[in-house]
Amino acid sequence: MNDFKEIINICKKNKIKIKLYISPAHANLDGEGILSANLYEEFENWKRDISNIVYNSNLKIIDFSGYNNITTEKVKTPMINLGIF
Protein backbone atom coordinates (compact mmCIF):
# COMPACT_ATOMS: atom_id res chain seq x y z
CA MET A 1 0.00 0.00 0.00
CA ASN A 2 2.95 2.32 0.56
CA ASP A 3 3.80 2.25 -3.16
CA PHE A 4 0.20 3.15 -4.02
CA LYS A 5 0.30 6.06 -1.57
CA GLU A 6 3.58 7.23 -3.08
CA ILE A 7 2.14 7.17 -6.61
CA ILE A 8 -0.76 9.32 -5.44
CA ASN A 9 1.63 11.74 -3.72
CA ILE A 10 3.82 12.01 -6.83
CA CYS A 11 0.77 12.68 -9.01
CA LYS A 12 -0.54 15.34 -6.64
CA LYS A 13 2.86 16.99 -6.28
CA ASN A 14 3.27 17.15 -10.06
CA LYS A 15 -0.37 18.17 -10.69
CA ILE A 16 -1.04 14.97 -12.64
CA LYS A 17 -4.74 14.20 -12.90
CA ILE A 18 -5.38 10.70 -11.63
CA LYS A 19 -8.40 8.50 -12.33
CA LEU A 20 -8.67 5.36 -10.26
CA TYR A 21 -10.75 2.27 -10.77
CA ILE A 22 -10.84 -1.38 -9.82
CA SER A 23 -11.08 -3.26 -13.10
CA PRO A 24 -13.83 -5.73 -13.93
CA ALA A 25 -13.08 -9.42 -13.97
CA HIS A 26 -15.14 -12.25 -15.35
CA ALA A 27 -17.23 -13.87 -12.61
CA ASN A 28 -16.43 -17.46 -13.62
CA LEU A 29 -12.77 -16.93 -14.39
CA ASP A 30 -11.75 -14.60 -11.57
CA GLY A 31 -14.60 -13.93 -9.15
CA GLU A 32 -15.45 -17.54 -8.41
CA GLY A 33 -11.73 -18.36 -8.22
CA ILE A 34 -11.35 -15.85 -5.39
CA LEU A 35 -14.24 -17.52 -3.57
CA SER A 36 -12.93 -21.04 -4.21
CA ALA A 37 -9.50 -20.09 -2.88
CA ASN A 38 -11.13 -18.65 0.26
CA LEU A 39 -9.68 -15.22 -0.58
CA TYR A 40 -12.91 -13.23 -0.78
CA GLU A 41 -12.40 -11.57 2.62
CA GLU A 42 -8.79 -10.70 1.72
CA PHE A 43 -9.94 -9.23 -1.62
CA GLU A 44 -12.60 -7.14 0.13
CA ASN A 45 -10.04 -5.95 2.71
CA TRP A 46 -7.70 -4.95 -0.15
CA LYS A 47 -10.50 -2.94 -1.76
CA ARG A 48 -11.29 -1.32 1.61
CA ASP A 49 -7.62 -0.38 2.14
CA ILE A 50 -7.38 1.10 -1.37
CA SER A 51 -10.65 2.99 -0.87
CA ASN A 52 -9.48 4.46 2.45
CA ILE A 53 -6.24 5.70 0.90
CA VAL A 54 -8.17 7.24 -2.00
CA TYR A 55 -10.71 8.86 0.33
CA ASN A 56 -7.99 10.29 2.58
CA SER A 57 -6.31 11.71 -0.53
CA ASN A 58 -9.52 13.52 -1.55
CA LEU A 59 -9.78 11.41 -4.70
CA LYS A 60 -12.44 9.08 -6.05
CA ILE A 61 -12.35 5.48 -7.19
CA ILE A 62 -14.82 3.51 -9.28
CA ASP A 63 -15.22 -0.20 -8.51
CA PHE A 64 -16.11 -2.27 -11.57
CA SER A 65 -15.32 -5.58 -9.85
CA GLY A 66 -18.91 -6.60 -9.11
CA TYR A 67 -21.08 -9.05 -11.01
CA ASN A 68 -23.21 -7.68 -13.84
CA ASN A 69 -24.47 -8.77 -17.27
CA ILE A 70 -21.01 -8.29 -18.80
CA THR A 71 -18.89 -9.99 -16.14
CA THR A 72 -21.31 -12.92 -15.95
CA GLU A 73 -21.50 -13.55 -19.71
CA LYS A 74 -21.19 -17.24 -20.54
CA VAL A 75 -17.58 -18.09 -21.36
CA LYS A 76 -17.49 -19.06 -25.02
CA THR A 77 -15.76 -18.22 -28.29
CA PRO A 78 -16.30 -15.54 -29.36
CA MET A 79 -17.25 -13.52 -26.29
CA ILE A 80 -19.85 -10.83 -26.99
CA ASN A 81 -18.46 -8.27 -24.52
CA LEU A 82 -14.77 -8.94 -25.04
CA GLY A 83 -12.78 -5.73 -25.21
CA ILE A 84 -15.57 -3.22 -24.59
CA PHE A 85 -13.70 -1.67 -21.71
PDB file of N, CA and C in Angstrom:
ATOM      1  N   MET A   1       0.814  -1.194   0.000  1.00  0.00           N
ATOM      2  CA  MET A   1       0.000   0.000   0.000  1.00  0.00           C
ATOM      3  C   MET A   1       0.863   1.266   0.000  1.00  0.00           C
ATOM      4  N   ASN A   2       2.076   1.145   0.529  1.00  0.00           N
ATOM      5  CA  ASN A   2       2.953   2.320   0.556  1.00  0.00           C
ATOM      6  C   ASN A   2       3.300   2.798  -0.853  1.00  0.00           C
ATOM      7  N   ASP A   3       3.506   1.860  -1.778  1.00  0.00           N
ATOM      8  CA  ASP A   3       3.796   2.246  -3.162  1.00  0.00           C
ATOM      9  C   ASP A   3       2.608   2.981  -3.778  1.00  0.00           C
ATOM     10  N   PHE A   4       1.411   2.496  -3.503  1.00  0.00           N
ATOM     11  CA  PHE A   4       0.200   3.147  -4.015  1.00  0.00           C
ATOM     12  C   PHE A   4       0.089   4.571  -3.473  1.00  0.00           C
ATOM     13  N   LYS A   5       0.323   4.727  -2.170  1.00  0.00           N
ATOM     14  CA  LYS A   5       0.301   6.064  -1.567  1.00  0.00           C
ATOM     15  C   LYS A   5       1.339   6.974  -2.215  1.00  0.00           C
ATOM     16  N   GLU A   6       2.507   6.444  -2.475  1.00  0.00           N
ATOM     17  CA  GLU A   6       3.581   7.230  -3.082  1.00  0.00           C
ATOM     18  C   GLU A   6       3.213   7.672  -4.495  1.00  0.00           C
ATOM     19  N   ILE A   7       2.596   6.804  -5.259  1.00  0.00           N
ATOM     20  CA  ILE A   7       2.143   7.171  -6.609  1.00  0.00           C
ATOM     21  C   ILE A   7       1.144   8.318  -6.534  1.00  0.00           C
ATOM     22  N   ILE A   8       0.217   8.239  -5.616  1.00  0.00           N
ATOM     23  CA  ILE A   8      -0.761   9.321  -5.444  1.00  0.00           C
ATOM     24  C   ILE A   8      -0.044  10.612  -5.068  1.00  0.00           C
ATOM     25  N   ASN A   9       0.892  10.542  -4.141  1.00  0.00           N
ATOM     26  CA  ASN A   9       1.634  11.743  -3.722  1.00  0.00           C
ATOM     27  C   ASN A   9       2.419  12.356  -4.878  1.00  0.00           C
ATOM     28  N   ILE A  10       3.059  11.518  -5.677  1.00  0.00           N
ATOM     29  CA  ILE A  10       3.816  12.013  -6.834  1.00  0.00           C
ATOM     30  C   ILE A  10       2.881  12.707  -7.820  1.00  0.00           C
ATOM     31  N   CYS A  11       1.743  12.081  -8.087  1.00  0.00           N
ATOM     32  CA  CYS A  11       0.767  12.685  -9.012  1.00  0.00           C
ATOM     33  C   CYS A  11       0.277  14.031  -8.487  1.00  0.00           C
ATOM     34  N   LYS A  12      -0.065  14.086  -7.216  1.00  0.00           N
ATOM     35  CA  LYS A  12      -0.544  15.344  -6.643  1.00  0.00           C
ATOM     36  C   LYS A  12       0.541  16.418  -6.681  1.00  0.00           C
ATOM     37  N   LYS A  13       1.751  16.049  -6.304  1.00  0.00           N
ATOM     38  CA  LYS A  13       2.862  16.992  -6.277  1.00  0.00           C
ATOM     39  C   LYS A  13       3.132  17.568  -7.662  1.00  0.00           C
ATOM     40  N   ASN A  14       2.987  16.733  -8.699  1.00  0.00           N
ATOM     41  CA  ASN A  14       3.268  17.151 -10.063  1.00  0.00           C
ATOM     42  C   ASN A  14       2.013  17.572 -10.839  1.00  0.00           C
ATOM     43  N   LYS A  15       0.904  17.733 -10.102  1.00  0.00           N
ATOM     44  CA  LYS A  15      -0.371  18.172 -10.693  1.00  0.00           C
ATOM     45  C   LYS A  15      -0.802  17.272 -11.850  1.00  0.00           C
ATOM     46  N   ILE A  16      -0.617  15.970 -11.656  1.00  0.00           N
ATOM     47  CA  ILE A  16      -1.039  14.973 -12.641  1.00  0.00           C
ATOM     48  C   ILE A  16      -2.431  14.496 -12.247  1.00  0.00           C
ATOM     49  N   LYS A  17      -3.373  14.648 -13.164  1.00  0.00           N
ATOM     50  CA  LYS A  17      -4.741  14.199 -12.898  1.00  0.00           C
ATOM     51  C   LYS A  17      -4.750  12.674 -12.839  1.00  0.00           C
ATOM     52  N   ILE A  18      -5.374  12.149 -11.830  1.00  0.00           N
ATOM     53  CA  ILE A  18      -5.379  10.700 -11.634  1.00  0.00           C
ATOM     54  C   ILE A  18      -6.816  10.202 -11.573  1.00  0.00           C
ATOM     55  N   LYS A  19      -7.089   9.161 -12.346  1.00  0.00           N
ATOM     56  CA  LYS A  19      -8.396   8.502 -12.331  1.00  0.00           C
ATOM     57  C   LYS A  19      -8.152   7.077 -11.870  1.00  0.00           C
ATOM     58  N   LEU A  20      -8.888   6.661 -10.872  1.00  0.00           N
ATOM     59  CA  LEU A  20      -8.671   5.357 -10.261  1.00  0.00           C
ATOM     60  C   LEU A  20      -9.898   4.476 -10.398  1.00  0.00           C
ATOM     61  N   TYR A  21      -9.660   3.221 -10.705  1.00  0.00           N
ATOM     62  CA  TYR A  21     -10.751   2.268 -10.768  1.00  0.00           C
ATOM     63  C   TYR A  21     -10.231   0.869 -10.464  1.00  0.00           C
ATOM     64  N   ILE A  22     -11.137   0.036  -9.998  1.00  0.00           N
ATOM     65  CA  ILE A  22     -10.842  -1.383  -9.821  1.00  0.00           C
ATOM     66  C   ILE A  22     -11.458  -2.066 -11.027  1.00  0.00           C
ATOM     67  N   SER A  23     -10.637  -2.727 -11.805  1.00  0.00           N
ATOM     68  CA  SER A  23     -11.082  -3.260 -13.097  1.00  0.00           C
ATOM     69  C   SER A  23     -12.065  -4.413 -12.940  1.00  0.00           C
ATOM     70  N   PRO A  24     -12.903  -4.590 -13.954  1.00  0.00           N
ATOM     71  CA  PRO A  24     -13.828  -5.725 -13.935  1.00  0.00           C
ATOM     72  C   PRO A  24     -13.075  -7.027 -14.198  1.00  0.00           C
ATOM     73  N   ALA A  25     -13.634  -8.084 -13.722  1.00  0.00           N
ATOM     74  CA  ALA A  25     -13.081  -9.417 -13.974  1.00  0.00           C
ATOM     75  C   ALA A  25     -14.252 -10.355 -14.214  1.00  0.00           C
ATOM     76  N   HIS A  26     -14.048 -11.331 -15.058  1.00  0.00           N
ATOM     77  CA  HIS A  26     -15.143 -12.253 -15.349  1.00  0.00           C
ATOM     78  C   HIS A  26     -15.485 -13.071 -14.103  1.00  0.00           C
ATOM     79  N   ALA A  27     -16.765 -13.177 -13.824  1.00  0.00           N
ATOM     80  CA  ALA A  27     -17.230 -13.868 -12.615  1.00  0.00           C
ATOM     81  C   ALA A  27     -16.747 -15.308 -12.544  1.00  0.00           C
ATOM     82  N   ASN A  28     -16.838 -16.043 -13.639  1.00  0.00           N
ATOM     83  CA  ASN A  28     -16.433 -17.458 -13.618  1.00  0.00           C
ATOM     84  C   ASN A  28     -14.927 -17.633 -13.601  1.00  0.00           C
ATOM     85  N   LEU A  29     -14.212 -16.748 -14.276  1.00  0.00           N
ATOM     86  CA  LEU A  29     -12.768 -16.926 -14.395  1.00  0.00           C
ATOM     87  C   LEU A  29     -12.005 -16.355 -13.211  1.00  0.00           C
ATOM     88  N   ASP A  30     -12.466 -15.249 -12.669  1.00  0.00           N
ATOM     89  CA  ASP A  30     -11.749 -14.599 -11.571  1.00  0.00           C
ATOM     90  C   ASP A  30     -12.559 -14.580 -10.278  1.00  0.00           C
ATOM     91  N   GLY A  31     -13.788 -14.089 -10.354  1.00  0.00           N
ATOM     92  CA  GLY A  31     -14.603 -13.932  -9.150  1.00  0.00           C
ATOM     93  C   GLY A  31     -14.821 -15.215  -8.385  1.00  0.00           C
ATOM     94  N   GLU A  32     -15.213 -16.259  -9.074  1.00  0.00           N
ATOM     95  CA  GLU A  32     -15.450 -17.537  -8.405  1.00  0.00           C
ATOM     96  C   GLU A  32     -14.139 -18.170  -7.939  1.00  0.00           C
ATOM     97  N   GLY A  33     -13.054 -17.869  -8.639  1.00  0.00           N
ATOM     98  CA  GLY A  33     -11.735 -18.357  -8.218  1.00  0.00           C
ATOM     99  C   GLY A  33     -11.340 -17.780  -6.875  1.00  0.00           C
ATOM    100  N   ILE A  34     -11.632 -16.501  -6.676  1.00  0.00           N
ATOM    101  CA  ILE A  34     -11.349 -15.848  -5.390  1.00  0.00           C
ATOM    102  C   ILE A  34     -12.145 -16.533  -4.283  1.00  0.00           C
ATOM    103  N   LEU A  35     -13.410 -16.823  -4.570  1.00  0.00           N
ATOM    104  CA  LEU A  35     -14.244 -17.517  -3.574  1.00  0.00           C
ATOM    105  C   LEU A  35     -13.717 -18.923  -3.303  1.00  0.00           C
ATOM    106  N   SER A  36     -13.404 -19.658  -4.364  1.00  0.00           N
ATOM    107  CA  SER A  36     -12.928 -21.043  -4.212  1.00  0.00           C
ATOM    108  C   SER A  36     -11.632 -21.124  -3.426  1.00  0.00           C
ATOM    109  N   ALA A  37     -10.789 -20.107  -3.588  1.00  0.00           N
ATOM    110  CA  ALA A  37      -9.503 -20.094  -2.876  1.00  0.00           C
ATOM    111  C   ALA A  37      -9.639 -19.517  -1.465  1.00  0.00           C
ATOM    112  N   ASN A  38     -10.865 -19.246  -1.055  1.00  0.00           N
ATOM    113  CA  ASN A  38     -11.135 -18.651   0.262  1.00  0.00           C
ATOM    114  C   ASN A  38     -10.409 -17.313   0.451  1.00  0.00           C
ATOM    115  N   LEU A  39     -10.357 -16.515  -0.634  1.00  0.00           N
ATOM    116  CA  LEU A  39      -9.676 -15.223  -0.579  1.00  0.00           C
ATOM    117  C   LEU A  39     -10.635 -14.039  -0.690  1.00  0.00           C
ATOM    118  N   TYR A  40     -11.945 -14.307  -0.617  1.00  0.00           N
ATOM    119  CA  TYR A  40     -12.912 -13.229  -0.781  1.00  0.00           C
ATOM    120  C   TYR A  40     -12.728 -12.146   0.283  1.00  0.00           C
ATOM    121  N   GLU A  41     -12.571 -12.551   1.537  1.00  0.00           N
ATOM    122  CA  GLU A  41     -12.403 -11.575   2.617  1.00  0.00           C
ATOM    123  C   GLU A  41     -11.126 -10.754   2.413  1.00  0.00           C
ATOM    124  N   GLU A  42     -10.047 -11.404   1.982  1.00  0.00           N
ATOM    125  CA  GLU A  42      -8.789 -10.697   1.717  1.00  0.00           C
ATOM    126  C   GLU A  42      -8.956  -9.698   0.559  1.00  0.00           C
ATOM    127  N   PHE A  43      -9.674 -10.110  -0.480  1.00  0.00           N
ATOM    128  CA  PHE A  43      -9.941  -9.228  -1.615  1.00  0.00           C
ATOM    129  C   PHE A  43     -10.755  -8.013  -1.166  1.00  0.00           C
ATOM    130  N   GLU A  44     -11.780  -8.245  -0.377  1.00  0.00           N
ATOM    131  CA  GLU A  44     -12.602  -7.139   0.129  1.00  0.00           C
ATOM    132  C   GLU A  44     -11.790  -6.223   1.049  1.00  0.00           C
ATOM    133  N   ASN A  45     -10.912  -6.772   1.863  1.00  0.00           N
ATOM    134  CA  ASN A  45     -10.041  -5.948   2.712  1.00  0.00           C
ATOM    135  C   ASN A  45      -9.087  -5.108   1.864  1.00  0.00           C
ATOM    136  N   TRP A  46      -8.566  -5.691   0.776  1.00  0.00           N
ATOM    137  CA  TRP A  46      -7.695  -4.954  -0.147  1.00  0.00           C
ATOM    138  C   TRP A  46      -8.458  -3.772  -0.747  1.00  0.00           C
ATOM    139  N   LYS A  47      -9.691  -4.030  -1.188  1.00  0.00           N
ATOM    140  CA  LYS A  47     -10.498  -2.942  -1.761  1.00  0.00           C
ATOM    141  C   LYS A  47     -10.784  -1.863  -0.714  1.00  0.00           C
ATOM    142  N   ARG A  48     -11.040  -2.272   0.521  1.00  0.00           N
ATOM    143  CA  ARG A  48     -11.287  -1.317   1.605  1.00  0.00           C
ATOM    144  C   ARG A  48     -10.048  -0.473   1.876  1.00  0.00           C
ATOM    145  N   ASP A  49      -8.877  -1.110   1.911  1.00  0.00           N
ATOM    146  CA  ASP A  49      -7.624  -0.380   2.138  1.00  0.00           C
ATOM    147  C   ASP A  49      -7.376   0.632   1.023  1.00  0.00           C
ATOM    148  N   ILE A  50      -7.546   0.194  -0.221  1.00  0.00           N
ATOM    149  CA  ILE A  50      -7.379   1.096  -1.366  1.00  0.00           C
ATOM    150  C   ILE A  50      -8.370   2.261  -1.259  1.00  0.00           C
ATOM    151  N   SER A  51      -9.619   1.955  -0.963  1.00  0.00           N
ATOM    152  CA  SER A  51     -10.653   2.989  -0.867  1.00  0.00           C
ATOM    153  C   SER A  51     -10.348   4.002   0.228  1.00  0.00           C
ATOM    154  N   ASN A  52      -9.838   3.542   1.357  1.00  0.00           N
ATOM    155  CA  ASN A  52      -9.479   4.455   2.452  1.00  0.00           C
ATOM    156  C   ASN A  52      -8.349   5.390   2.048  1.00  0.00           C
ATOM    157  N   ILE A  53      -7.355   4.865   1.367  1.00  0.00           N
ATOM    158  CA  ILE A  53      -6.244   5.696   0.897  1.00  0.00           C
ATOM    159  C   ILE A  53      -6.762   6.748  -0.075  1.00  0.00           C
ATOM    160  N   VAL A  54      -7.605   6.322  -1.002  1.00  0.00           N
ATOM    161  CA  VAL A  54      -8.170   7.235  -2.000  1.00  0.00           C
ATOM    162  C   VAL A  54      -9.007   8.310  -1.309  1.00  0.00           C
ATOM    163  N   TYR A  55      -9.864   7.905  -0.397  1.00  0.00           N
ATOM    164  CA  TYR A  55     -10.714   8.862   0.330  1.00  0.00           C
ATOM    165  C   TYR A  55      -9.868   9.875   1.097  1.00  0.00           C
ATOM    166  N   ASN A  56      -8.851   9.401   1.796  1.00  0.00           N
ATOM    167  CA  ASN A  56      -7.990  10.290   2.585  1.00  0.00           C
ATOM    168  C   ASN A  56      -7.136  11.200   1.710  1.00  0.00           C
ATOM    169  N   SER A  57      -7.048  10.879   0.421  1.00  0.00           N
ATOM    170  CA  SER A  57      -6.305  11.708  -0.529  1.00  0.00           C
ATOM    171  C   SER A  57      -7.230  12.651  -1.294  1.00  0.00           C
ATOM    172  N   ASN A  58      -8.495  12.691  -0.887  1.00  0.00           N
ATOM    173  CA  ASN A  58      -9.515  13.515  -1.551  1.00  0.00           C
ATOM    174  C   ASN A  58      -9.667  13.171  -3.027  1.00  0.00           C
ATOM    175  N   LEU A  59      -9.583  11.892  -3.344  1.00  0.00           N
ATOM    176  CA  LEU A  59      -9.779  11.406  -4.700  1.00  0.00           C
ATOM    177  C   LEU A  59     -10.988  10.493  -4.720  1.00  0.00           C
ATOM    178  N   LYS A  60     -11.323  10.011  -5.900  1.00  0.00           N
ATOM    179  CA  LYS A  60     -12.441   9.079  -6.053  1.00  0.00           C
ATOM    180  C   LYS A  60     -11.943   7.835  -6.766  1.00  0.00           C
ATOM    181  N   ILE A  61     -12.652   6.746  -6.523  1.00  0.00           N
ATOM    182  CA  ILE A  61     -12.345   5.481  -7.195  1.00  0.00           C
ATOM    183  C   ILE A  61     -13.667   4.855  -7.628  1.00  0.00           C
ATOM    184  N   ILE A  62     -13.648   4.218  -8.781  1.00  0.00           N
ATOM    185  CA  ILE A  62     -14.822   3.505  -9.276  1.00  0.00           C
ATOM    186  C   ILE A  62     -14.502   2.018  -9.230  1.00  0.00           C
ATOM    187  N   ASP A  63     -15.407   1.245  -8.657  1.00  0.00           N
ATOM    188  CA  ASP A  63     -15.219  -0.196  -8.507  1.00  0.00           C
ATOM    189  C   ASP A  63     -16.075  -0.935  -9.532  1.00  0.00           C
ATOM    190  N   PHE A  64     -15.430  -1.496 -10.546  1.00  0.00           N
ATOM    191  CA  PHE A  64     -16.113  -2.274 -11.572  1.00  0.00           C
ATOM    192  C   PHE A  64     -16.034  -3.778 -11.293  1.00  0.00           C
ATOM    193  N   SER A  65     -15.598  -4.173 -10.105  1.00  0.00           N
ATOM    194  CA  SER A  65     -15.321  -5.584  -9.847  1.00  0.00           C
ATOM    195  C   SER A  65     -16.550  -6.430  -9.534  1.00  0.00           C
ATOM    196  N   GLY A  66     -17.711  -5.835  -9.448  1.00  0.00           N
ATOM    197  CA  GLY A  66     -18.909  -6.600  -9.112  1.00  0.00           C
ATOM    198  C   GLY A  66     -19.460  -7.405 -10.272  1.00  0.00           C
ATOM    199  N   TYR A  67     -20.440  -8.237  -9.986  1.00  0.00           N
ATOM    200  CA  TYR A  67     -21.083  -9.055 -11.005  1.00  0.00           C
ATOM    201  C   TYR A  67     -22.147  -8.234 -11.725  1.00  0.00           C
ATOM    202  N   ASN A  68     -22.192  -8.354 -13.030  1.00  0.00           N
ATOM    203  CA  ASN A  68     -23.210  -7.683 -13.843  1.00  0.00           C
ATOM    204  C   ASN A  68     -23.379  -8.491 -15.128  1.00  0.00           C
ATOM    205  N   ASN A  69     -24.199  -7.989 -16.065  1.00  0.00           N
ATOM    206  CA  ASN A  69     -24.474  -8.769 -17.269  1.00  0.00           C
ATOM    207  C   ASN A  69     -23.234  -8.967 -18.146  1.00  0.00           C
ATOM    208  N   ILE A  70     -22.236  -8.129 -18.008  1.00  0.00           N
ATOM    209  CA  ILE A  70     -21.015  -8.289 -18.798  1.00  0.00           C
ATOM    210  C   ILE A  70     -20.065  -9.280 -18.129  1.00  0.00           C
ATOM    211  N   THR A  71     -19.851  -9.112 -16.825  1.00  0.00           N
ATOM    212  CA  THR A  71     -18.889  -9.990 -16.138  1.00  0.00           C
ATOM    213  C   THR A  71     -19.433 -11.393 -15.891  1.00  0.00           C
ATOM    214  N   THR A  72     -20.726 -11.591 -16.120  1.00  0.00           N
ATOM    215  CA  THR A  72     -21.307 -12.924 -15.947  1.00  0.00           C
ATOM    216  C   THR A  72     -21.678 -13.571 -17.287  1.00  0.00           C
ATOM    217  N   GLU A  73     -21.239 -12.963 -18.390  1.00  0.00           N
ATOM    218  CA  GLU A  73     -21.498 -13.547 -19.709  1.00  0.00           C
ATOM    219  C   GLU A  73     -20.930 -14.966 -19.761  1.00  0.00           C
ATOM    220  N   LYS A  74     -21.663 -15.868 -20.394  1.00  0.00           N
ATOM    221  CA  LYS A  74     -21.187 -17.244 -20.536  1.00  0.00           C
ATOM    222  C   LYS A  74     -19.847 -17.245 -21.270  1.00  0.00           C
ATOM    223  N   VAL A  75     -18.890 -17.998 -20.735  1.00  0.00           N
ATOM    224  CA  VAL A  75     -17.577 -18.089 -21.361  1.00  0.00           C
ATOM    225  C   VAL A  75     -17.698 -18.960 -22.605  1.00  0.00           C
ATOM    226  N   LYS A  76     -17.405 -18.351 -23.751  1.00  0.00           N
ATOM    227  CA  LYS A  76     -17.492 -19.058 -25.025  1.00  0.00           C
ATOM    228  C   LYS A  76     -16.642 -18.312 -26.050  1.00  0.00           C
ATOM    229  N   THR A  77     -16.491 -18.880 -27.209  1.00  0.00           N
ATOM    230  CA  THR A  77     -15.756 -18.224 -28.291  1.00  0.00           C
ATOM    231  C   THR A  77     -16.729 -17.984 -29.430  1.00  0.00           C
ATOM    232  N   PRO A  78     -16.895 -16.768 -29.904  1.00  0.00           N
ATOM    233  CA  PRO A  78     -16.304 -15.542 -29.363  1.00  0.00           C
ATOM    234  C   PRO A  78     -17.165 -14.981 -28.241  1.00  0.00           C
ATOM    235  N   MET A  79     -16.526 -14.209 -27.373  1.00  0.00           N
ATOM    236  CA  MET A  79     -17.246 -13.519 -26.294  1.00  0.00           C
ATOM    237  C   MET A  79     -17.911 -12.278 -26.886  1.00  0.00           C
ATOM    238  N   ILE A  80     -19.128 -11.992 -26.489  1.00  0.00           N
ATOM    239  CA  ILE A  80     -19.845 -10.827 -26.994  1.00  0.00           C
ATOM    240  C   ILE A  80     -19.236  -9.539 -26.456  1.00  0.00           C
ATOM    241  N   ASN A  81     -18.920  -9.513 -25.178  1.00  0.00           N
ATOM    242  CA  ASN A  81     -18.460  -8.269 -24.525  1.00  0.00           C
ATOM    243  C   ASN A  81     -16.959  -8.155 -24.421  1.00  0.00           C
ATOM    244  N   LEU A  82     -16.216  -8.967 -25.109  1.00  0.00           N
ATOM    245  CA  LEU A  82     -14.771  -8.935 -25.044  1.00  0.00           C
ATOM    246  C   LEU A  82     -14.244  -7.605 -25.564  1.00  0.00           C
ATOM    247  N   GLY A  83     -13.458  -6.948 -24.761  1.00  0.00           N
ATOM    248  CA  GLY A  83     -12.778  -5.732 -25.211  1.00  0.00           C
ATOM    249  C   GLY A  83     -13.618  -4.482 -25.239  1.00  0.00           C
ATOM    250  N   ILE A  84     -14.771  -4.443 -24.567  1.00  0.00           N
ATOM    251  CA  ILE A  84     -15.573  -3.222 -24.593  1.00  0.00           C
ATOM    252  C   ILE A  84     -15.085  -2.204 -23.588  1.00  0.00           C
ATOM    253  N   PHE A  85     -14.168  -2.587 -22.721  1.00  0.00           N
ATOM    254  CA  PHE A  85     -13.704  -1.667 -21.709  1.00  0.00           C
ATOM    255  C   PHE A  85     -12.621  -0.847 -22.317  1.00  0.00           C
TER     256      PHE A  85
END
